[in-house]
Amino acid sequence: MRILQVVTLLSPDGEFGGPARVALNQSAELVGRGHDVTIIGAGRGYEQLPTELDGVTVKLFTARTLLPRSGFSGVAAPGLRKWLRDNWAGFDVTHIHLGRDLVVLPVAVAARRRHMPYVVQTHGMVGPSKHPLARPLDRYCTRKVIRDAQAVFYLSAEERKHLFDVVGPGLALVELGNGVPRYPAAANATGRPEVLFAARMHPRKRPVAFVEMARTLLDAGVDARFALVGHDEGEGPAVMAAVGGDPRITWEGGLTPDAIPARMASARVYVLPSVREPLPMSVLEAMSVGLPVVVTNDCGLAPLVERSGCGIVTDPAVPALAAAVDAILGDSDMAQSMGERGRRTVRADYGMEAVGDRLLDTYSHVAESLR
């Protein structure tokens, strides 16, 4: 099949987070099975816009911010629509990683108008929102393109409910988890252990809480290093202020998404203190390399972490996070067992093979139904 994937933004420091990584993982799996996949979207941060990422053909257009102070919602990709008009007919299906922004939403509107075969995947980005743009966009665009999509991929029961809240019933819903490639296992690191945070510096991710947790443990005499990896999305100054020059706590900035698993493999524990997190890719990646994980109790992966025993689920408060990390650092046998269970769980429940099967089954059904 010839498959077109559409994502809002790709950048060398992975600033768009999980949706971009999911699109790359899905596309790489499909390419590995012999299918022809192209990812299109906006790009920024590259010296020269790439034509290939992770073995997948990409066609990127220089990102332009048309609506300042509106985050990713205000990002656009001039030139993308013209490229689509010239090239769209060559694809069997279009997979749109949909959010309320000026890159992917116009593509979805055009696909609907032209009766193109398309599916959408919202990654938790389309739910009830107080953003001033949400109401008009939903009224004139979002509801229509989701309602008329030939398939709507969703992650969890919570996301399914959010889609009902925004769009209403009658959607062509297809459950689809986030898949993780088979990354090499973490080495048995020696010396001072490292506790890692790898996510955007965004208030919802709570990087400042991670720093406060680190300070709590260091003040209690725990001998460890603490590192944050991720693009700044507003919390950078607060993070630096909280670090206060302590050399035992570092913020390394962003990394390319394909470098994150290897960076995780050098750590001892992975901590994501974020709240309202539907299904974080970073936690799955940490589990895939064999790190014990610490997540909060409203994380979408909390039930999996508890059920599999691959980490600790805790209250979001800093003392609770600190206690969880301290327990893992203080028991190397427990930490190793947690890491091994996490690696097995990801391979069994979140392998790319099952994701690829579900995608191809859905794509084939959509293409056949519109012939």
Protein backbone atom coordinates (compact mmCIF):
# COMPACT_ATOMS: atom_id res chain seq x y z
CA MET A 1 0.00 0.00 0.00
CA ARG A 2 0.96 3.64 -0.42
CA ILE A 3 0.29 5.35 2.89
CA LEU A 4 0.44 9.05 3.74
CA GLN A 5 0.91 9.98 7.41
CA VAL A 6 0.33 13.59 8.48
CA VAL A 7 1.79 15.00 11.70
CA THR A 8 1.89 18.57 12.98
CA LEU A 9 5.61 19.03 13.59
CA LEU A 10 8.90 17.18 13.40
CA SER A 11 12.07 18.64 14.91
CA PRO A 12 15.51 17.35 15.93
CA ASP A 13 14.76 17.82 19.63
CA GLY A 14 11.39 16.06 19.47
CA GLU A 15 9.48 19.07 20.74
CA PHE A 16 6.08 17.78 19.55
CA GLY A 17 6.52 14.76 21.77
CA GLY A 18 4.57 11.52 21.60
CA PRO A 19 2.43 12.03 18.45
CA ALA A 20 5.51 12.63 16.31
CA ARG A 21 7.27 9.62 17.79
CA VAL A 22 4.19 7.43 17.27
CA ALA A 23 3.95 8.48 13.62
CA LEU A 24 7.62 7.60 13.06
CA ASN A 25 7.31 4.25 14.85
CA GLN A 26 4.20 3.30 12.90
CA SER A 27 5.71 4.34 9.60
CA ALA A 28 8.99 2.50 10.21
CA GLU A 29 7.06 -0.69 11.03
CA LEU A 30 5.02 -0.39 7.82
CA VAL A 31 8.10 0.35 5.71
CA GLY A 32 9.73 -2.74 7.22
CA ARG A 33 6.82 -4.78 5.90
CA GLY A 34 7.36 -3.49 2.37
CA HIS A 35 4.80 -0.69 2.24
CA ASP A 36 5.47 2.77 0.78
CA VAL A 37 5.01 5.39 3.52
CA THR A 38 5.54 9.15 3.44
CA ILE A 39 5.20 11.46 6.44
CA ILE A 40 4.31 15.10 5.78
CA GLY A 41 4.10 18.03 8.18
CA ALA A 42 5.87 21.12 9.40
CA GLY A 43 9.53 21.02 10.32
CA ARG A 44 11.79 23.30 12.30
CA GLY A 45 15.12 23.26 14.07
CA TYR A 46 16.98 21.45 11.28
CA GLU A 47 19.89 23.06 9.43
CA GLN A 48 18.30 21.56 6.35
CA LEU A 49 14.90 19.91 6.27
CA PRO A 50 15.47 16.13 6.06
CA THR A 51 14.01 13.86 3.40
CA GLU A 52 14.27 10.73 5.53
CA LEU A 53 13.96 9.93 9.25
CA ASP A 54 14.28 6.46 10.79
CA GLY A 55 14.27 4.99 7.30
CA VAL A 56 10.95 6.69 6.44
CA THR A 57 10.49 9.18 3.61
CA VAL A 58 9.46 12.60 4.96
CA LYS A 59 8.33 15.73 3.17
CA LEU A 60 8.55 18.67 5.56
CA PHE A 61 7.64 22.32 5.10
CA THR A 62 9.21 25.11 7.10
CA ALA A 63 7.05 25.75 10.16
CA ARG A 64 5.54 29.21 10.50
CA THR A 65 3.87 30.50 13.64
CA LEU A 66 0.75 32.34 12.45
CA LEU A 67 -0.86 32.72 15.88
CA PRO A 68 1.70 33.78 18.51
CA ARG A 69 1.30 32.58 22.11
CA SER A 70 -1.00 29.75 21.04
CA GLY A 71 1.48 26.88 21.22
CA PHE A 72 1.29 24.24 18.53
CA SER A 73 -2.22 25.41 17.61
CA GLY A 74 -0.74 28.41 15.83
CA VAL A 75 1.84 26.50 13.78
CA ALA A 76 1.27 26.24 10.01
CA ALA A 77 3.14 24.70 7.08
CA PRO A 78 2.86 26.91 3.97
CA GLY A 79 3.31 24.86 0.84
CA LEU A 80 1.88 21.66 2.27
CA ARG A 81 -1.56 22.06 0.74
CA LYS A 82 -0.11 22.60 -2.75
CA TRP A 83 2.07 19.51 -2.40
CA LEU A 84 -1.01 17.54 -1.40
CA ARG A 85 -2.97 18.71 -4.44
CA ASP A 86 -0.14 17.54 -6.69
CA ASN A 87 0.56 14.21 -4.95
CA TRP A 88 -2.52 13.04 -3.06
CA ALA A 89 -3.90 10.84 -5.82
CA GLY A 90 -0.92 8.51 -5.50
CA PHE A 91 -1.82 7.34 -1.97
CA ASP A 92 -4.26 4.63 -0.96
CA VAL A 93 -5.05 6.06 2.49
CA THR A 94 -4.18 9.12 4.58
CA HIS A 95 -3.52 8.74 8.32
CA ILE A 96 -3.87 12.09 10.11
CA HIS A 97 -2.43 12.51 13.62
CA LEU A 98 -5.10 15.04 14.45
CA GLY A 99 -4.98 18.01 16.77
CA ARG A 100 -6.50 21.47 16.73
CA ASP A 101 -3.76 23.16 14.71
CA LEU A 102 -3.17 24.81 11.36
CA VAL A 103 -1.11 21.96 9.89
CA VAL A 104 -3.20 18.80 10.22
CA LEU A 105 -6.70 20.20 10.60
CA PRO A 106 -6.72 21.81 7.10
CA VAL A 107 -5.51 18.49 5.67
CA ALA A 108 -8.40 16.68 7.34
CA VAL A 109 -10.87 19.28 6.06
CA ALA A 110 -9.52 18.87 2.51
CA ALA A 111 -9.62 15.07 2.73
CA ARG A 112 -13.25 15.18 3.85
CA ARG A 113 -14.20 17.66 1.13
CA ARG A 114 -12.50 15.62 -1.61
CA HIS A 115 -13.89 12.29 -0.32
CA MET A 116 -10.38 10.93 0.15
CA PRO A 117 -9.93 7.76 2.24
CA TYR A 118 -8.64 9.01 5.58
CA VAL A 119 -8.33 7.93 9.20
CA VAL A 120 -7.57 10.06 12.25
CA GLN A 121 -5.69 9.45 15.48
CA THR A 122 -6.02 12.13 18.15
CA HIS A 123 -3.50 11.02 20.82
CA GLY A 124 -5.63 12.61 23.52
CA MET A 125 -5.29 16.03 21.83
CA VAL A 126 -9.01 16.42 21.09
CA GLY A 127 -11.00 16.63 24.29
CA PRO A 128 -13.02 19.22 26.17
CA SER A 129 -10.88 22.36 26.23
CA LYS A 130 -10.99 25.95 27.51
CA HIS A 131 -8.57 27.13 24.82
CA PRO A 132 -10.21 30.10 23.03
CA LEU A 133 -9.66 28.47 19.64
CA ALA A 134 -11.22 25.14 20.61
CA ARG A 135 -14.89 26.07 20.37
CA PRO A 136 -14.83 27.70 16.90
CA LEU A 137 -12.50 25.04 15.50
CA ASP A 138 -14.72 22.25 16.84
CA ARG A 139 -17.86 23.86 15.51
CA TYR A 140 -16.60 24.43 11.96
CA CYS A 141 -13.94 21.75 11.49
CA THR A 142 -13.00 19.24 14.17
CA ARG A 143 -16.37 17.57 14.71
CA LYS A 144 -17.00 17.18 10.98
CA VAL A 145 -13.65 15.66 10.09
CA ILE A 146 -13.74 13.20 12.99
CA ARG A 147 -17.36 12.25 12.43
CA ASP A 148 -16.75 11.52 8.72
CA ALA A 149 -13.37 9.75 9.11
CA GLN A 150 -13.44 6.15 7.93
CA ALA A 151 -11.70 5.16 11.20
CA VAL A 152 -10.93 7.00 14.44
CA PHE A 153 -8.06 5.46 16.40
CA TYR A 154 -8.20 5.92 20.17
CA LEU A 155 -5.87 4.92 22.99
CA SER A 156 -8.05 4.31 26.01
CA ALA A 157 -11.54 4.40 27.48
CA GLU A 158 -10.81 7.92 28.70
CA GLU A 159 -9.93 9.17 25.22
CA ARG A 160 -13.00 7.41 23.83
CA LYS A 161 -15.15 9.34 26.31
CA HIS A 162 -13.45 12.63 25.40
CA LEU A 163 -14.17 12.03 21.72
CA PHE A 164 -17.83 11.41 22.56
CA ASP A 165 -17.88 14.61 24.63
CA VAL A 166 -16.52 16.69 21.74
CA VAL A 167 -17.97 14.98 18.68
CA GLY A 168 -20.82 12.78 19.85
CA PRO A 169 -21.68 9.10 19.17
CA GLY A 170 -21.61 7.22 15.91
CA LEU A 171 -17.85 7.35 15.29
CA ALA A 172 -15.94 4.60 13.48
CA LEU A 173 -13.83 3.90 16.54
CA VAL A 174 -10.84 1.53 16.44
CA GLU A 175 -8.75 0.93 19.55
CA LEU A 176 -5.02 1.30 18.87
CA GLY A 177 -2.27 1.31 21.47
CA ASN A 178 1.11 2.97 21.14
CA GLY A 179 3.74 0.52 19.98
CA VAL A 180 7.42 0.45 20.88
CA PRO A 181 10.22 -1.05 18.77
CA ARG A 182 12.56 -3.64 20.29
CA TYR A 183 15.28 -1.47 21.79
CA PRO A 184 18.49 -2.93 23.29
CA ALA A 185 18.34 -3.58 27.02
CA ALA A 186 19.99 -1.24 29.48
CA ALA A 187 23.42 -2.26 30.68
CA ASN A 188 23.98 -3.00 34.36
CA ALA A 189 25.33 0.44 35.19
CA THR A 190 27.86 0.75 37.99
CA GLY A 191 28.81 3.72 40.11
CA ARG A 192 26.53 6.52 41.19
CA PRO A 193 22.97 5.78 39.94
CA GLU A 194 21.14 8.21 37.69
CA VAL A 195 17.45 9.11 37.92
CA LEU A 196 16.06 10.36 34.61
CA PHE A 197 13.21 12.56 33.40
CA ALA A 198 12.75 12.67 29.59
CA ALA A 199 9.83 14.80 28.45
CA ARG A 200 8.98 18.34 27.41
CA MET A 201 9.59 21.13 29.90
CA HIS A 202 5.87 21.78 30.10
CA PRO A 203 3.75 22.48 33.20
CA ARG A 204 1.71 19.30 32.71
CA LYS A 205 4.87 17.19 32.67
CA ARG A 206 5.92 18.76 36.01
CA PRO A 207 9.70 18.95 35.54
CA VAL A 208 9.93 21.31 38.53
CA ALA A 209 8.38 18.58 40.68
CA PHE A 210 11.13 16.25 39.45
CA VAL A 211 13.78 18.76 40.55
CA GLU A 212 12.08 19.22 43.92
CA MET A 213 12.01 15.44 44.31
CA ALA A 214 15.72 15.32 43.50
CA ARG A 215 16.48 17.97 46.11
CA THR A 216 14.46 16.07 48.72
CA LEU A 217 16.49 12.91 48.10
CA LEU A 218 19.84 14.70 47.96
CA ASP A 219 19.07 16.53 51.19
CA ALA A 220 18.30 13.14 52.77
CA GLY A 221 21.74 11.87 51.80
CA VAL A 222 20.85 9.80 48.73
CA ASP A 223 23.94 9.49 46.53
CA ALA A 224 22.58 9.82 42.99
CA ARG A 225 22.58 12.00 39.89
CA PHE A 226 19.40 13.49 38.49
CA ALA A 227 19.02 14.43 34.82
CA LEU A 228 16.29 16.07 32.77
CA VAL A 229 16.16 15.68 28.99
CA GLY A 230 13.65 17.57 26.89
CA HIS A 231 12.73 20.61 24.87
CA ASP A 232 11.69 23.77 26.71
CA GLU A 233 8.00 24.47 26.43
CA GLY A 234 7.67 27.18 29.04
CA GLU A 235 9.06 25.62 32.20
CA GLY A 236 12.74 26.01 31.37
CA PRO A 237 13.37 29.13 33.51
CA ALA A 238 11.52 27.59 36.47
CA VAL A 239 13.55 24.39 36.10
CA MET A 240 16.84 26.28 36.08
CA ALA A 241 15.77 28.32 39.10
CA ALA A 242 14.84 25.14 40.97
CA VAL A 243 18.16 23.48 40.07
CA GLY A 244 19.96 26.51 41.47
CA GLY A 245 23.34 25.52 40.06
CA ASP A 246 23.51 22.17 41.85
CA PRO A 247 25.88 20.03 39.70
CA ARG A 248 24.09 16.85 40.79
CA ILE A 249 20.95 17.95 38.91
CA THR A 250 21.30 18.72 35.19
CA TRP A 251 19.01 19.73 32.36
CA GLU A 252 20.55 18.52 29.10
CA GLY A 253 18.09 20.09 26.66
CA GLY A 254 16.36 18.17 23.90
CA LEU A 255 17.49 15.06 22.06
CA THR A 256 16.40 13.60 18.76
CA PRO A 257 13.59 11.13 19.44
CA ASP A 258 15.61 8.18 18.15
CA ALA A 259 18.36 8.96 20.68
CA ILE A 260 16.07 8.83 23.71
CA PRO A 261 16.02 5.03 24.27
CA ALA A 262 19.84 4.87 24.27
CA ARG A 263 19.97 7.80 26.69
CA MET A 264 17.50 6.00 28.95
CA ALA A 265 19.64 2.87 28.91
CA SER A 266 22.37 4.62 30.91
CA ALA A 267 20.00 5.52 33.78
CA ARG A 268 18.85 3.48 36.78
CA VAL A 269 15.27 4.76 37.28
CA TYR A 270 12.82 6.64 35.05
CA VAL A 271 10.40 9.13 36.63
CA LEU A 272 7.48 10.89 34.93
CA PRO A 273 5.66 13.02 37.53
CA SER A 274 3.15 14.40 35.01
CA VAL A 275 -0.60 14.40 35.57
CA ARG A 276 -3.51 13.82 33.16
CA GLU A 277 -1.17 11.77 30.96
CA PRO A 278 -3.13 9.37 28.71
CA LEU A 279 -0.45 6.95 27.49
CA PRO A 280 3.08 8.39 27.62
CA MET A 281 5.52 7.05 25.07
CA SER A 282 8.48 7.89 27.28
CA VAL A 283 7.30 5.46 29.97
CA LEU A 284 6.88 2.68 27.42
CA GLU A 285 10.35 3.41 26.03
CA ALA A 286 11.85 3.31 29.53
CA MET A 287 10.13 -0.02 30.18
CA SER A 288 11.34 -1.33 26.83
CA VAL A 289 15.01 -0.84 27.75
CA GLY A 290 14.45 -2.35 31.19
CA LEU A 291 14.23 0.64 33.53
CA PRO A 292 11.95 0.54 36.58
CA VAL A 293 9.49 3.42 36.27
CA VAL A 294 7.76 5.79 38.68
CA VAL A 295 4.46 7.32 37.50
CA THR A 296 1.56 9.12 39.14
CA ASN A 297 -1.75 7.46 39.89
CA ASP A 298 -3.69 9.27 37.17
CA CYS A 299 -1.26 8.30 34.42
CA GLY A 300 -2.95 6.16 31.79
CA LEU A 301 -0.24 3.52 32.21
CA ALA A 302 -0.59 3.34 36.01
CA PRO A 303 -2.77 0.17 35.92
CA LEU A 304 -0.25 -1.54 33.65
CA VAL A 305 2.68 -0.56 35.89
CA GLU A 306 0.86 -1.90 38.96
CA ARG A 307 -0.36 -5.06 37.25
CA SER A 308 3.02 -5.97 35.79
CA GLY A 309 5.07 -4.87 38.79
CA CYS A 310 7.49 -2.94 36.58
CA GLY A 311 7.67 0.13 38.80
CA ILE A 312 5.84 2.16 41.42
CA VAL A 313 2.62 4.13 41.07
CA THR A 314 2.41 6.99 43.52
CA ASP A 315 0.61 10.15 44.52
CA PRO A 316 1.82 13.17 42.50
CA ALA A 317 3.14 14.92 45.64
CA VAL A 318 6.90 15.41 45.81
CA PRO A 319 7.40 13.42 49.07
CA ALA A 320 5.58 10.42 47.56
CA LEU A 321 7.67 10.58 44.39
CA ALA A 322 10.85 10.81 46.47
CA ALA A 323 9.85 7.81 48.59
CA ALA A 324 9.19 5.71 45.48
CA VAL A 325 12.55 6.56 43.91
CA ASP A 326 14.34 5.98 47.22
CA ALA A 327 12.77 2.52 47.51
CA ILE A 328 13.96 1.53 44.02
CA LEU A 329 17.47 2.91 44.48
CA GLY A 330 17.75 1.13 47.81
CA ASP A 331 16.95 -2.35 46.49
CA SER A 332 18.97 -3.32 43.41
CA ASP A 333 17.38 -6.77 43.16
CA MET A 334 13.89 -5.28 43.15
CA ALA A 335 14.95 -2.68 40.59
CA GLN A 336 16.38 -5.35 38.28
CA SER A 337 13.23 -7.47 38.56
CA MET A 338 11.04 -4.46 37.83
CA GLY A 339 13.10 -3.64 34.75
CA GLU A 340 12.92 -7.19 33.44
CA ARG A 341 9.15 -7.32 33.95
CA GLY A 342 8.74 -3.99 32.17
CA ARG A 343 10.72 -5.19 29.19
CA ARG A 344 8.66 -8.37 28.91
CA THR A 345 5.40 -6.46 29.33
CA VAL A 346 6.15 -3.96 26.57
CA ARG A 347 7.17 -6.72 24.20
CA ALA A 348 3.98 -8.66 24.91
CA ASP A 349 1.45 -5.81 25.09
CA TYR A 350 2.97 -2.91 23.12
CA GLY A 351 5.05 -4.50 20.38
CA MET A 352 5.02 -2.88 16.96
CA GLU A 353 3.92 -6.13 15.32
CA ALA A 354 0.40 -5.89 16.76
CA VAL A 355 0.20 -2.18 15.94
CA GLY A 356 1.24 -2.83 12.35
CA ASP A 357 -1.38 -5.58 11.99
CA ARG A 358 -4.15 -3.32 13.30
CA LEU A 359 -3.09 -0.44 11.03
CA LEU A 360 -2.97 -2.57 7.88
CA ASP A 361 -6.29 -4.27 8.65
CA THR A 362 -7.91 -0.86 9.08
CA TYR A 363 -6.25 0.71 6.04
CA SER A 364 -7.29 -2.21 3.84
CA HIS A 365 -10.88 -2.04 5.06
CA VAL A 366 -10.99 1.72 4.44
CA ALA A 367 -9.49 1.47 0.95
CA GLU A 368 -11.82 -1.36 -0.04
CA SER A 369 -14.93 0.35 1.30
CA LEU A 370 -14.38 3.43 -0.86
CA ARG A 371 -13.70 1.64 -4.13
